[in-house]
Amino acid sequence: MFLARPRGWRNQVWETDHVQAPVLVDVDGRARRPWITWFTDCATNAITGVAVTPVHPSRESVLSALRSAVLREDPYGPFGGLPEKVRVDRGKDFLSRTVTAAFDLLDVTVEDLPAYTPTSRALWRG
């Protein structure tokens, strides 16, 4: 497979991204398409954490998804924990000082993938 990476082991590498859901929800009387931010474990393809927001994603949605990814007790588990590395695209929300400081506190390495190259995330876009 083109650009396939070795699967590795659980919590070795996570990838994260946002997607706008193809549904409309009522938010204060207005129809909106929510955004989903998630973390995926590359070895197991498990979604370790997720945040759904009614507005464009931001560092707050990244931190919320990260919190749900790291915590493993109810209602968050059983997947998750602490990854060794997280791959992110060059989005300003993923590379904000607040988010990178959170990764630093958790001793998680951040790999900043090249911009506009969806094939670099071969596990879920290739």
PDB file of N, CA and C in Angstrom:
ATOM      1  N   MET A   1       0.847  -1.179   0.000  1.00  0.00           N
ATOM      2  CA  MET A   1       0.000   0.000   0.000  1.00  0.00           C
ATOM      3  C   MET A   1       0.892   1.241   0.000  1.00  0.00           C
ATOM      4  N   PHE A   2       0.496   2.242  -0.739  1.00  0.00           N
ATOM      5  CA  PHE A   2       1.232   3.494  -0.860  1.00  0.00           C
ATOM      6  C   PHE A   2       1.346   4.199   0.486  1.00  0.00           C
ATOM      7  N   LEU A   3       2.574   4.503   0.897  1.00  0.00           N
ATOM      8  CA  LEU A   3       2.869   5.233   2.131  1.00  0.00           C
ATOM      9  C   LEU A   3       2.346   4.563   3.406  1.00  0.00           C
ATOM     10  N   ALA A   4       2.185   3.259   3.383  1.00  0.00           N
ATOM     11  CA  ALA A   4       1.727   2.564   4.595  1.00  0.00           C
ATOM     12  C   ALA A   4       2.839   2.582   5.632  1.00  0.00           C
ATOM     13  N   ARG A   5       2.459   2.801   6.865  1.00  0.00           N
ATOM     14  CA  ARG A   5       3.415   2.808   7.965  1.00  0.00           C
ATOM     15  C   ARG A   5       3.271   1.512   8.744  1.00  0.00           C
ATOM     16  N   PRO A   6       4.341   1.077   9.412  1.00  0.00           N
ATOM     17  CA  PRO A   6       4.181  -0.075  10.307  1.00  0.00           C
ATOM     18  C   PRO A   6       3.180   0.283  11.402  1.00  0.00           C
ATOM     19  N   ARG A   7       2.388  -0.682  11.829  1.00  0.00           N
ATOM     20  CA  ARG A   7       1.328  -0.405  12.788  1.00  0.00           C
ATOM     21  C   ARG A   7       1.853  -0.066  14.175  1.00  0.00           C
ATOM     22  N   GLY A   8       2.969  -0.611  14.592  1.00  0.00           N
ATOM     23  CA  GLY A   8       3.491  -0.297  15.920  1.00  0.00           C
ATOM     24  C   GLY A   8       2.652  -0.919  17.017  1.00  0.00           C
ATOM     25  N   TRP A   9       2.650  -0.282  18.181  1.00  0.00           N
ATOM     26  CA  TRP A   9       1.919  -0.801  19.328  1.00  0.00           C
ATOM     27  C   TRP A   9       0.979   0.266  19.870  1.00  0.00           C
ATOM     28  N   ARG A  10       0.046  -0.188  20.704  1.00  0.00           N
ATOM     29  CA  ARG A  10      -0.970   0.702  21.270  1.00  0.00           C
ATOM     30  C   ARG A  10      -0.312   1.893  21.974  1.00  0.00           C
ATOM     31  N   ASN A  11      -0.825   3.063  21.724  1.00  0.00           N
ATOM     32  CA  ASN A  11      -0.362   4.326  22.307  1.00  0.00           C
ATOM     33  C   ASN A  11       1.055   4.721  21.894  1.00  0.00           C
ATOM     34  N   GLN A  12       1.579   4.100  20.851  1.00  0.00           N
ATOM     35  CA  GLN A  12       2.863   4.545  20.325  1.00  0.00           C
ATOM     36  C   GLN A  12       2.671   5.858  19.569  1.00  0.00           C
ATOM     37  N   VAL A  13       1.703   5.874  18.649  1.00  0.00           N
ATOM     38  CA  VAL A  13       1.444   7.070  17.840  1.00  0.00           C
ATOM     39  C   VAL A  13      -0.063   7.261  17.702  1.00  0.00           C
ATOM     40  N   TRP A  14      -0.500   8.488  17.919  1.00  0.00           N
ATOM     41  CA  TRP A  14      -1.876   8.883  17.645  1.00  0.00           C
ATOM     42  C   TRP A  14      -1.856   9.909  16.525  1.00  0.00           C
ATOM     43  N   GLU A  15      -2.967  10.007  15.819  1.00  0.00           N
ATOM     44  CA  GLU A  15      -3.169  11.072  14.847  1.00  0.00           C
ATOM     45  C   GLU A  15      -4.437  11.819  15.233  1.00  0.00           C
ATOM     46  N   THR A  16      -4.508  13.073  14.849  1.00  0.00           N
ATOM     47  CA  THR A  16      -5.655  13.905  15.217  1.00  0.00           C
ATOM     48  C   THR A  16      -6.057  14.795  14.053  1.00  0.00           C
ATOM     49  N   ASP A  17      -7.322  15.117  14.006  1.00  0.00           N
ATOM     50  CA  ASP A  17      -7.825  15.996  12.950  1.00  0.00           C
ATOM     51  C   ASP A  17      -9.235  16.456  13.309  1.00  0.00           C
ATOM     52  N   HIS A  18      -9.789  17.299  12.450  1.00  0.00           N
ATOM     53  CA  HIS A  18     -11.172  17.767  12.569  1.00  0.00           C
ATOM     54  C   HIS A  18     -11.914  17.374  11.298  1.00  0.00           C
ATOM     55  N   VAL A  19     -13.217  17.234  11.414  1.00  0.00           N
ATOM     56  CA  VAL A  19     -14.076  17.050  10.249  1.00  0.00           C
ATOM     57  C   VAL A  19     -15.429  17.684  10.564  1.00  0.00           C
ATOM     58  N   GLN A  20     -16.027  18.294   9.558  1.00  0.00           N
ATOM     59  CA  GLN A  20     -17.366  18.843   9.750  1.00  0.00           C
ATOM     60  C   GLN A  20     -18.371  17.746   9.422  1.00  0.00           C
ATOM     61  N   ALA A  21     -19.262  17.468  10.359  1.00  0.00           N
ATOM     62  CA  ALA A  21     -20.239  16.389  10.202  1.00  0.00           C
ATOM     63  C   ALA A  21     -21.269  16.740   9.131  1.00  0.00           C
ATOM     64  N   PRO A  22     -21.687  15.755   8.346  1.00  0.00           N
ATOM     65  CA  PRO A  22     -22.662  16.007   7.276  1.00  0.00           C
ATOM     66  C   PRO A  22     -24.110  15.951   7.773  1.00  0.00           C
ATOM     67  N   VAL A  23     -24.360  16.540   8.925  1.00  0.00           N
ATOM     68  CA  VAL A  23     -25.709  16.587   9.500  1.00  0.00           C
ATOM     69  C   VAL A  23     -25.969  17.998  10.008  1.00  0.00           C
ATOM     70  N   LEU A  24     -27.239  18.331  10.162  1.00  0.00           N
ATOM     71  CA  LEU A  24     -27.614  19.614  10.749  1.00  0.00           C
ATOM     72  C   LEU A  24     -28.190  19.371  12.131  1.00  0.00           C
ATOM     73  N   VAL A  25     -27.784  20.207  13.087  1.00  0.00           N
ATOM     74  CA  VAL A  25     -28.321  20.134  14.445  1.00  0.00           C
ATOM     75  C   VAL A  25     -28.817  21.520  14.843  1.00  0.00           C
ATOM     76  N   ASP A  26     -29.765  21.542  15.750  1.00  0.00           N
ATOM     77  CA  ASP A  26     -30.326  22.799  16.236  1.00  0.00           C
ATOM     78  C   ASP A  26     -29.442  23.340  17.353  1.00  0.00           C
ATOM     79  N   VAL A  27     -28.878  24.513  17.133  1.00  0.00           N
ATOM     80  CA  VAL A  27     -28.069  25.186  18.146  1.00  0.00           C
ATOM     81  C   VAL A  27     -28.693  26.554  18.371  1.00  0.00           C
ATOM     82  N   ASP A  28     -29.377  26.699  19.490  1.00  0.00           N
ATOM     83  CA  ASP A  28     -30.049  27.959  19.822  1.00  0.00           C
ATOM     84  C   ASP A  28     -30.981  28.436  18.708  1.00  0.00           C
ATOM     85  N   GLY A  29     -31.731  27.489  18.129  1.00  0.00           N
ATOM     86  CA  GLY A  29     -32.702  27.837  17.102  1.00  0.00           C
ATOM     87  C   GLY A  29     -32.146  27.976  15.699  1.00  0.00           C
ATOM     88  N   ARG A  30     -30.849  27.730  15.528  1.00  0.00           N
ATOM     89  CA  ARG A  30     -30.222  27.815  14.204  1.00  0.00           C
ATOM     90  C   ARG A  30     -29.691  26.449  13.805  1.00  0.00           C
ATOM     91  N   ALA A  31     -29.868  26.102  12.540  1.00  0.00           N
ATOM     92  CA  ALA A  31     -29.334  24.838  12.027  1.00  0.00           C
ATOM     93  C   ALA A  31     -27.841  25.005  11.758  1.00  0.00           C
ATOM     94  N   ARG A  32     -27.058  24.118  12.329  1.00  0.00           N
ATOM     95  CA  ARG A  32     -25.596  24.163  12.149  1.00  0.00           C
ATOM     96  C   ARG A  32     -25.061  22.767  11.875  1.00  0.00           C
ATOM     97  N   ARG A  33     -23.950  22.723  11.164  1.00  0.00           N
ATOM     98  CA  ARG A  33     -23.218  21.472  10.971  1.00  0.00           C
ATOM     99  C   ARG A  33     -22.113  21.430  12.024  1.00  0.00           C
ATOM    100  N   PRO A  34     -22.152  20.478  12.938  1.00  0.00           N
ATOM    101  CA  PRO A  34     -21.140  20.429  13.998  1.00  0.00           C
ATOM    102  C   PRO A  34     -19.779  19.968  13.472  1.00  0.00           C
ATOM    103  N   TRP A  35     -18.761  20.307  14.235  1.00  0.00           N
ATOM    104  CA  TRP A  35     -17.391  19.870  13.954  1.00  0.00           C
ATOM    105  C   TRP A  35     -17.017  18.779  14.942  1.00  0.00           C
ATOM    106  N   ILE A  36     -16.271  17.797  14.448  1.00  0.00           N
ATOM    107  CA  ILE A  36     -15.795  16.700  15.287  1.00  0.00           C
ATOM    108  C   ILE A  36     -14.271  16.741  15.285  1.00  0.00           C
ATOM    109  N   THR A  37     -13.687  16.753  16.463  1.00  0.00           N
ATOM    110  CA  THR A  37     -12.239  16.664  16.639  1.00  0.00           C
ATOM    111  C   THR A  37     -11.972  15.326  17.293  1.00  0.00           C
ATOM    112  N   TRP A  38     -11.018  14.578  16.782  1.00  0.00           N
ATOM    113  CA  TRP A  38     -10.761  13.259  17.362  1.00  0.00           C
ATOM    114  C   TRP A  38      -9.281  12.928  17.368  1.00  0.00           C
ATOM    115  N   PHE A  39      -8.930  11.965  18.219  1.00  0.00           N
ATOM    116  CA  PHE A  39      -7.611  11.350  18.271  1.00  0.00           C
ATOM    117  C   PHE A  39      -7.794   9.869  17.961  1.00  0.00           C
ATOM    118  N   THR A  40      -6.933   9.329  17.104  1.00  0.00           N
ATOM    119  CA  THR A  40      -6.992   7.927  16.715  1.00  0.00           C
ATOM    120  C   THR A  40      -5.665   7.261  17.029  1.00  0.00           C
ATOM    121  N   ASP A  41      -5.716   6.076  17.628  1.00  0.00           N
ATOM    122  CA  ASP A  41      -4.518   5.274  17.877  1.00  0.00           C
ATOM    123  C   ASP A  41      -4.148   4.577  16.566  1.00  0.00           C
ATOM    124  N   CYS A  42      -2.942   4.810  16.079  1.00  0.00           N
ATOM    125  CA  CYS A  42      -2.545   4.286  14.772  1.00  0.00           C
ATOM    126  C   CYS A  42      -2.392   2.769  14.761  1.00  0.00           C
ATOM    127  N   ALA A  43      -2.051   2.156  15.878  1.00  0.00           N
ATOM    128  CA  ALA A  43      -1.864   0.706  15.917  1.00  0.00           C
ATOM    129  C   ALA A  43      -3.182  -0.047  15.937  1.00  0.00           C
ATOM    130  N   THR A  44      -4.182   0.493  16.606  1.00  0.00           N
ATOM    131  CA  THR A  44      -5.446  -0.227  16.790  1.00  0.00           C
ATOM    132  C   THR A  44      -6.605   0.367  15.997  1.00  0.00           C
ATOM    133  N   ASN A  45      -6.409   1.555  15.439  1.00  0.00           N
ATOM    134  CA  ASN A  45      -7.472   2.319  14.768  1.00  0.00           C
ATOM    135  C   ASN A  45      -8.605   2.702  15.714  1.00  0.00           C
ATOM    136  N   ALA A  46      -8.394   2.576  17.009  1.00  0.00           N
ATOM    137  CA  ALA A  46      -9.408   2.973  17.989  1.00  0.00           C
ATOM    138  C   ALA A  46      -9.453   4.496  18.081  1.00  0.00           C
ATOM    139  N   ILE A  47     -10.649   5.033  18.189  1.00  0.00           N
ATOM    140  CA  ILE A  47     -10.798   6.461  18.455  1.00  0.00           C
ATOM    141  C   ILE A  47     -10.631   6.621  19.958  1.00  0.00           C
ATOM    142  N   THR A  48      -9.545   7.276  20.351  1.00  0.00           N
ATOM    143  CA  THR A  48      -9.235   7.394  21.778  1.00  0.00           C
ATOM    144  C   THR A  48      -9.926   8.576  22.428  1.00  0.00           C
ATOM    145  N   GLY A  49     -10.217   9.612  21.657  1.00  0.00           N
ATOM    146  CA  GLY A  49     -10.873  10.784  22.224  1.00  0.00           C
ATOM    147  C   GLY A  49     -11.591  11.570  21.157  1.00  0.00           C
ATOM    148  N   VAL A  50     -12.661  12.256  21.579  1.00  0.00           N
ATOM    149  CA  VAL A  50     -13.466  13.007  20.622  1.00  0.00           C
ATOM    150  C   VAL A  50     -14.096  14.213  21.308  1.00  0.00           C
ATOM    151  N   ALA A  51     -14.287  15.269  20.532  1.00  0.00           N
ATOM    152  CA  ALA A  51     -15.035  16.447  20.986  1.00  0.00           C
ATOM    153  C   ALA A  51     -15.912  16.897  19.828  1.00  0.00           C
ATOM    154  N   VAL A  52     -17.161  17.209  20.118  1.00  0.00           N
ATOM    155  CA  VAL A  52     -18.104  17.697  19.109  1.00  0.00           C
ATOM    156  C   VAL A  52     -18.488  19.116  19.499  1.00  0.00           C
ATOM    157  N   THR A  53     -18.310  20.043  18.559  1.00  0.00           N
ATOM    158  CA  THR A  53     -18.601  21.448  18.842  1.00  0.00           C
ATOM    159  C   THR A  53     -19.492  22.025  17.745  1.00  0.00           C
ATOM    160  N   PRO A  54     -20.346  22.993  18.095  1.00  0.00           N
ATOM    161  CA  PRO A  54     -21.237  23.588  17.098  1.00  0.00           C
ATOM    162  C   PRO A  54     -20.567  24.688  16.272  1.00  0.00           C
ATOM    163  N   VAL A  55     -19.344  25.031  16.609  1.00  0.00           N
ATOM    164  CA  VAL A  55     -18.626  26.099  15.907  1.00  0.00           C
ATOM    165  C   VAL A  55     -17.314  25.549  15.367  1.00  0.00           C
ATOM    166  N   HIS A  56     -16.642  26.366  14.547  1.00  0.00           N
ATOM    167  CA  HIS A  56     -15.363  25.961  13.957  1.00  0.00           C
ATOM    168  C   HIS A  56     -14.404  25.506  15.058  1.00  0.00           C
ATOM    169  N   PRO A  57     -13.620  24.446  14.823  1.00  0.00           N
ATOM    170  CA  PRO A  57     -12.728  23.931  15.861  1.00  0.00           C
ATOM    171  C   PRO A  57     -11.677  24.954  16.286  1.00  0.00           C
ATOM    172  N   SER A  58     -11.220  24.784  17.512  1.00  0.00           N
ATOM    173  CA  SER A  58     -10.242  25.696  18.098  1.00  0.00           C
ATOM    174  C   SER A  58      -9.360  24.907  19.059  1.00  0.00           C
ATOM    175  N   ARG A  59      -8.465  25.615  19.730  1.00  0.00           N
ATOM    176  CA  ARG A  59      -7.622  24.927  20.717  1.00  0.00           C
ATOM    177  C   ARG A  59      -8.465  24.313  21.824  1.00  0.00           C
ATOM    178  N   GLU A  60      -9.610  24.928  22.135  1.00  0.00           N
ATOM    179  CA  GLU A  60     -10.486  24.378  23.169  1.00  0.00           C
ATOM    180  C   GLU A  60     -11.035  23.012  22.763  1.00  0.00           C
ATOM    181  N   SER A  61     -11.423  22.866  21.497  1.00  0.00           N
ATOM    182  CA  SER A  61     -11.933  21.562  21.053  1.00  0.00           C
ATOM    183  C   SER A  61     -10.820  20.521  21.020  1.00  0.00           C
ATOM    184  N   VAL A  62      -9.599  20.942  20.664  1.00  0.00           N
ATOM    185  CA  VAL A  62      -8.459  20.014  20.687  1.00  0.00           C
ATOM    186  C   VAL A  62      -8.192  19.559  22.116  1.00  0.00           C
ATOM    187  N   LEU A  63      -8.175  20.502  23.064  1.00  0.00           N
ATOM    188  CA  LEU A  63      -7.924  20.142  24.466  1.00  0.00           C
ATOM    189  C   LEU A  63      -9.038  19.272  25.034  1.00  0.00           C
ATOM    190  N   SER A  64     -10.265  19.518  24.637  1.00  0.00           N
ATOM    191  CA  SER A  64     -11.381  18.694  25.094  1.00  0.00           C
ATOM    192  C   SER A  64     -11.252  17.264  24.568  1.00  0.00           C
ATOM    193  N   ALA A  65     -10.921  17.122  23.283  1.00  0.00           N
ATOM    194  CA  ALA A  65     -10.725  15.787  22.705  1.00  0.00           C
ATOM    195  C   ALA A  65      -9.521  15.100  23.343  1.00  0.00           C
ATOM    196  N   LEU A  66      -8.464  15.861  23.618  1.00  0.00           N
ATOM    197  CA  LEU A  66      -7.285  15.291  24.272  1.00  0.00           C
ATOM    198  C   LEU A  66      -7.632  14.786  25.664  1.00  0.00           C
ATOM    199  N   ARG A  67      -8.408  15.548  26.396  1.00  0.00           N
ATOM    200  CA  ARG A  67      -8.821  15.121  27.741  1.00  0.00           C
ATOM    201  C   ARG A  67      -9.578  13.803  27.673  1.00  0.00           C
ATOM    202  N   SER A  68     -10.520  13.703  26.738  1.00  0.00           N
ATOM    203  CA  SER A  68     -11.284  12.458  26.638  1.00  0.00           C
ATOM    204  C   SER A  68     -10.419  11.306  26.134  1.00  0.00           C
ATOM    205  N   ALA A  69      -9.317  11.612  25.433  1.00  0.00           N
ATOM    206  CA  ALA A  69      -8.403  10.569  24.960  1.00  0.00           C
ATOM    207  C   ALA A  69      -7.497  10.053  26.068  1.00  0.00           C
ATOM    208  N   VAL A  70      -7.088  10.941  26.949  1.00  0.00           N
ATOM    209  CA  VAL A  70      -6.140  10.571  28.004  1.00  0.00           C
ATOM    210  C   VAL A  70      -6.831   9.845  29.159  1.00  0.00           C
ATOM    211  N   LEU A  71      -8.031  10.285  29.511  1.00  0.00           N
ATOM    212  CA  LEU A  71      -8.749   9.663  30.629  1.00  0.00           C
ATOM    213  C   LEU A  71      -9.290   8.301  30.213  1.00  0.00           C
ATOM    214  N   ARG A  72      -9.189   7.314  31.104  1.00  0.00           N
ATOM    215  CA  ARG A  72      -9.622   5.966  30.739  1.00  0.00           C
ATOM    216  C   ARG A  72     -10.752   5.437  31.604  1.00  0.00           C
ATOM    217  N   GLU A  73     -11.103   6.140  32.663  1.00  0.00           N
ATOM    218  CA  GLU A  73     -12.217   5.667  33.490  1.00  0.00           C
ATOM    219  C   GLU A  73     -13.544   6.103  32.869  1.00  0.00           C
ATOM    220  N   ASP A  74     -14.647   5.542  33.368  1.00  0.00           N
ATOM    221  CA  ASP A  74     -15.972   5.898  32.843  1.00  0.00           C
ATOM    222  C   ASP A  74     -16.191   7.399  32.935  1.00  0.00           C
ATOM    223  N   PRO A  75     -16.751   8.003  31.951  1.00  0.00           N
ATOM    224  CA  PRO A  75     -17.333   7.448  30.731  1.00  0.00           C
ATOM    225  C   PRO A  75     -16.371   7.418  29.545  1.00  0.00           C
ATOM    226  N   TYR A  76     -15.073   7.599  29.762  1.00  0.00           N
ATOM    227  CA  TYR A  76     -14.133   7.783  28.658  1.00  0.00           C
ATOM    228  C   TYR A  76     -13.533   6.501  28.105  1.00  0.00           C
ATOM    229  N   GLY A  77     -13.108   5.573  28.931  1.00  0.00           N
ATOM    230  CA  GLY A  77     -12.345   4.396  28.522  1.00  0.00           C
ATOM    231  C   GLY A  77     -13.094   3.482  27.575  1.00  0.00           C
ATOM    232  N   PRO A  78     -12.550   2.336  27.267  1.00  0.00           N
ATOM    233  CA  PRO A  78     -11.331   1.753  27.796  1.00  0.00           C
ATOM    234  C   PRO A  78     -10.090   2.119  26.990  1.00  0.00           C
ATOM    235  N   PHE A  79     -10.264   2.678  25.781  1.00  0.00           N
ATOM    236  CA  PHE A  79      -9.102   3.045  24.974  1.00  0.00           C
ATOM    237  C   PHE A  79      -8.522   4.350  25.489  1.00  0.00           C
ATOM    238  N   GLY A  80      -7.324   4.653  25.027  1.00  0.00           N
ATOM    239  CA  GLY A  80      -6.709   5.907  25.424  1.00  0.00           C
ATOM    240  C   GLY A  80      -5.526   5.688  26.340  1.00  0.00           C
ATOM    241  N   GLY A  81      -5.200   6.707  27.092  1.00  0.00           N
ATOM    242  CA  GLY A  81      -4.005   6.696  27.923  1.00  0.00           C
ATOM    243  C   GLY A  81      -3.106   7.832  27.479  1.00  0.00           C
ATOM    244  N   LEU A  82      -1.812   7.570  27.446  1.00  0.00           N
ATOM    245  CA  LEU A  82      -0.847   8.574  26.988  1.00  0.00           C
ATOM    246  C   LEU A  82      -0.064   8.033  25.799  1.00  0.00           C
ATOM    247  N   PRO A  83      -0.096   8.733  24.681  1.00  0.00           N
ATOM    248  CA  PRO A  83       0.701   8.297  23.536  1.00  0.00           C
ATOM    249  C   PRO A  83       2.142   8.761  23.688  1.00  0.00           C
ATOM    250  N   GLU A  84       3.037   8.104  22.955  1.00  0.00           N
ATOM    251  CA  GLU A  84       4.415   8.587  22.890  1.00  0.00           C
ATOM    252  C   GLU A  84       4.508   9.782  21.945  1.00  0.00           C
ATOM    253  N   LYS A  85       3.725   9.716  20.850  1.00  0.00           N
ATOM    254  CA  LYS A  85       3.791  10.755  19.822  1.00  0.00           C
ATOM    255  C   LYS A  85       2.393  11.010  19.281  1.00  0.00           C
ATOM    256  N   VAL A  86       2.147  12.271  18.879  1.00  0.00           N
ATOM    257  CA  VAL A  86       0.905  12.645  18.201  1.00  0.00           C
ATOM    258  C   VAL A  86       1.279  13.337  16.897  1.00  0.00           C
ATOM    259  N   ARG A  87       0.690  12.864  15.798  1.00  0.00           N
ATOM    260  CA  ARG A  87       0.886  13.504  14.496  1.00  0.00           C
ATOM    261  C   ARG A  87      -0.243  14.500  14.268  1.00  0.00           C
ATOM    262  N   VAL A  88       0.125  15.719  13.894  1.00  0.00           N
ATOM    263  CA  VAL A  88      -0.863  16.770  13.633  1.00  0.00           C
ATOM    264  C   VAL A  88      -0.571  17.396  12.278  1.00  0.00           C
ATOM    265  N   ASP A  89      -1.625  17.970  11.664  1.00  0.00           N
ATOM    266  CA  ASP A  89      -1.365  18.777  10.479  1.00  0.00           C
ATOM    267  C   ASP A  89      -0.931  20.161  10.966  1.00  0.00           C
ATOM    268  N   ARG A  90      -0.681  21.055  10.094  1.00  0.00           N
ATOM    269  CA  ARG A  90      -0.154  22.366  10.487  1.00  0.00           C
ATOM    270  C   ARG A  90      -1.229  23.347  10.932  1.00  0.00           C
ATOM    271  N   GLY A  91      -2.365  22.842  11.368  1.00  0.00           N
ATOM    272  CA  GLY A  91      -3.436  23.712  11.828  1.00  0.00           C
ATOM    273  C   GLY A  91      -3.020  24.518  13.048  1.00  0.00           C
ATOM    274  N   LYS A  92      -3.389  25.803  13.053  1.00  0.00           N
ATOM    275  CA  LYS A  92      -2.970  26.678  14.152  1.00  0.00           C
ATOM    276  C   LYS A  92      -3.539  26.227  15.482  1.00  0.00           C
ATOM    277  N   ASP A  93      -4.700  25.577  15.472  1.00  0.00           N
ATOM    278  CA  ASP A  93      -5.284  25.096  16.724  1.00  0.00           C
ATOM    279  C   ASP A  93      -4.454  23.965  17.323  1.00  0.00           C
ATOM    280  N   PHE A  94      -3.913  23.075  16.493  1.00  0.00           N
ATOM    281  CA  PHE A  94      -3.085  21.975  16.988  1.00  0.00           C
ATOM    282  C   PHE A  94      -1.709  22.454  17.440  1.00  0.00           C
ATOM    283  N   LEU A  95      -1.223  23.538  16.842  1.00  0.00           N
ATOM    284  CA  LEU A  95       0.116  24.038  17.161  1.00  0.00           C
ATOM    285  C   LEU A  95       0.094  25.267  18.059  1.00  0.00           C
ATOM    286  N   SER A  96      -1.060  25.582  18.629  1.00  0.00           N
ATOM    287  CA  SER A  96      -1.135  26.739  19.528  1.00  0.00           C
ATOM    288  C   SER A  96      -0.258  26.500  20.753  1.00  0.00           C
ATOM    289  N   ARG A  97       0.157  27.578  21.387  1.00  0.00           N
ATOM    290  CA  ARG A  97       0.998  27.453  22.591  1.00  0.00           C
ATOM    291  C   ARG A  97       0.305  26.651  23.680  1.00  0.00           C
ATOM    292  N   THR A  98      -0.996  26.842  23.817  1.00  0.00           N
ATOM    293  CA  THR A  98      -1.745  26.140  24.862  1.00  0.00           C
ATOM    294  C   THR A  98      -1.740  24.634  24.622  1.00  0.00           C
ATOM    295  N   VAL A  99      -1.991  24.218  23.386  1.00  0.00           N
ATOM    296  CA  VAL A  99      -2.038  22.785  23.064  1.00  0.00           C
ATOM    297  C   VAL A  99      -0.640  22.174  23.139  1.00  0.00           C
ATOM    298  N   THR A 100       0.362  22.856  22.583  1.00  0.00           N
ATOM    299  CA  THR A 100       1.716  22.292  22.650  1.00  0.00           C
ATOM    300  C   THR A 100       2.217  22.240  24.090  1.00  0.00           C
ATOM    301  N   ALA A 101       1.810  23.189  24.924  1.00  0.00           N
ATOM    302  CA  ALA A 101       2.182  23.142  26.349  1.00  0.00           C
ATOM    303  C   ALA A 101       1.537  21.939  27.031  1.00  0.00           C
ATOM    304  N   ALA A 102       0.294  21.628  26.673  1.00  0.00           N
ATOM    305  CA  ALA A 102      -0.376  20.448  27.239  1.00  0.00           C
ATOM    306  C   ALA A 102       0.363  19.177  26.835  1.00  0.00           C
ATOM    307  N   PHE A 103       0.752  19.072  25.566  1.00  0.00           N
ATOM    308  CA  PHE A 103       1.521  17.904  25.128  1.00  0.00           C
ATOM    309  C   PHE A 103       2.856  17.829  25.867  1.00  0.00           C
ATOM    310  N   ASP A 104       3.515  18.972  26.053  1.00  0.00           N
ATOM    311  CA  ASP A 104       4.782  18.997  26.794  1.00  0.00           C
ATOM    312  C   ASP A 104       4.595  18.509  28.225  1.00  0.00           C
ATOM    313  N   LEU A 105       3.542  18.974  28.898  1.00  0.00           N
ATOM    314  CA  LEU A 105       3.275  18.540  30.278  1.00  0.00           C
ATOM    315  C   LEU A 105       3.034  17.037  30.365  1.00  0.00           C
ATOM    316  N   LEU A 106       2.433  16.482  29.313  1.00  0.00           N
ATOM    317  CA  LEU A 106       2.163  15.044  29.280  1.00  0.00           C
ATOM    318  C   LEU A 106       3.343  14.246  28.732  1.00  0.00           C
ATOM    319  N   ASP A 107       4.434  14.936  28.368  1.00  0.00           N
ATOM    320  CA  ASP A 107       5.634  14.317  27.806  1.00  0.00           C
ATOM    321  C   ASP A 107       5.325  13.570  26.507  1.00  0.00           C
ATOM    322  N   VAL A 108       4.522  14.212  25.653  1.00  0.00           N
ATOM    323  CA  VAL A 108       4.132  13.644  24.365  1.00  0.00           C
ATOM    324  C   VAL A 108       4.840  14.426  23.261  1.00  0.00           C
ATOM    325  N   THR A 109       5.524  13.713  22.372  1.00  0.00           N
ATOM    326  CA  THR A 109       6.180  14.330  21.229  1.00  0.00           C
ATOM    327  C   THR A 109       5.138  14.669  20.171  1.00  0.00           C
ATOM    328  N   VAL A 110       5.260  15.849  19.575  1.00  0.00           N
ATOM    329  CA  VAL A 110       4.342  16.268  18.513  1.00  0.00           C
ATOM    330  C   VAL A 110       5.094  16.237  17.188  1.00  0.00           C
ATOM    331  N   GLU A 111       4.542  15.510  16.214  1.00  0.00           N
ATOM    332  CA  GLU A 111       5.102  15.476  14.866  1.00  0.00           C
ATOM    333  C   GLU A 111       4.206  16.314  13.973  1.00  0.00           C
ATOM    334  N   ASP A 112       4.755  17.412  13.479  1.00  0.00           N
ATOM    335  CA  ASP A 112       4.024  18.336  12.615  1.00  0.00           C
ATOM    336  C   ASP A 112       4.171  17.861  11.175  1.00  0.00           C
ATOM    337  N   LEU A 113       3.094  17.349  10.593  1.00  0.00           N
ATOM    338  CA  LEU A 113       3.132  16.822   9.232  1.00  0.00           C
ATOM    339  C   LEU A 113       3.154  17.952   8.214  1.00  0.00           C
ATOM    340  N   PRO A 114       3.675  17.690   7.021  1.00  0.00           N
ATOM    341  CA  PRO A 114       3.688  18.723   5.981  1.00  0.00           C
ATOM    342  C   PRO A 114       2.275  19.183   5.634  1.00  0.00           C
ATOM    343  N   ALA A 115       2.159  20.451   5.333  1.00  0.00           N
ATOM    344  CA  ALA A 115       0.850  21.023   4.988  1.00  0.00           C
ATOM    345  C   ALA A 115       0.352  20.487   3.649  1.00  0.00           C
ATOM    346  N   TYR A 116      -0.960  20.349   3.548  1.00  0.00           N
ATOM    347  CA  TYR A 116      -1.643  19.988   2.306  1.00  0.00           C
ATOM    348  C   TYR A 116      -1.150  18.675   1.706  1.00  0.00           C
ATOM    349  N   THR A 117      -0.816  17.713   2.556  1.00  0.00           N
ATOM    350  CA  THR A 117      -0.414  16.385   2.083  1.00  0.00           C
ATOM    351  C   THR A 117      -1.206  15.330   2.839  1.00  0.00           C
ATOM    352  N   PRO A 118      -2.463  15.132   2.471  1.00  0.00           N
ATOM    353  CA  PRO A 118      -3.291  14.172   3.197  1.00  0.00           C
ATOM    354  C   PRO A 118      -2.749  12.751   3.150  1.00  0.00           C
ATOM    355  N   THR A 119      -1.920  12.414   2.146  1.00  0.00           N
ATOM    356  CA  THR A 119      -1.374  11.062   2.092  1.00  0.00           C
ATOM    357  C   THR A 119      -0.340  10.817   3.177  1.00  0.00           C
ATOM    358  N   SER A 120       0.150  11.860   3.854  1.00  0.00           N
ATOM    359  CA  SER A 120       1.103  11.651   4.945  1.00  0.00           C
ATOM    360  C   SER A 120       0.428  11.014   6.146  1.00  0.00           C
ATOM    361  N   ARG A 121      -0.904  11.059   6.183  1.00  0.00           N
ATOM    362  CA  ARG A 121      -1.660  10.359   7.216  1.00  0.00           C
ATOM    363  C   ARG A 121      -2.285   9.137   6.563  1.00  0.00           C
ATOM    364  N   ALA A 122      -1.430   8.213   6.153  1.00  0.00           N
ATOM    365  CA  ALA A 122      -1.868   7.076   5.342  1.00  0.00           C
ATOM    366  C   ALA A 122      -2.887   6.191   6.040  1.00  0.00           C
ATOM    367  N   LEU A 123      -2.920   6.203   7.350  1.00  0.00           N
ATOM    368  CA  LEU A 123      -3.817   5.290   8.049  1.00  0.00           C
ATOM    369  C   LEU A 123      -5.276   5.649   7.872  1.00  0.00           C
ATOM    370  N   TRP A 124      -5.618   6.934   7.747  1.00  0.00           N
ATOM    371  CA  TRP A 124      -7.027   7.247   7.596  1.00  0.00           C
ATOM    372  C   TRP A 124      -7.354   8.167   6.448  1.00  0.00           C
ATOM    373  N   ARG A 125      -6.388   8.457   5.614  1.00  0.00           N
ATOM    374  CA  ARG A 125      -6.722   9.276   4.452  1.00  0.00           C
ATOM    375  C   ARG A 125      -6.156   8.712   3.156  1.00  0.00           C
ATOM    376  N   GLY A 126      -5.282   7.723   3.255  1.00  0.00           N
ATOM    377  CA  GLY A 126      -4.581   7.277   2.061  1.00  0.00           C
ATOM    378  C   GLY A 126      -5.282   6.251   1.264  1.00  0.00           C
TER     379      GLY A 126
END
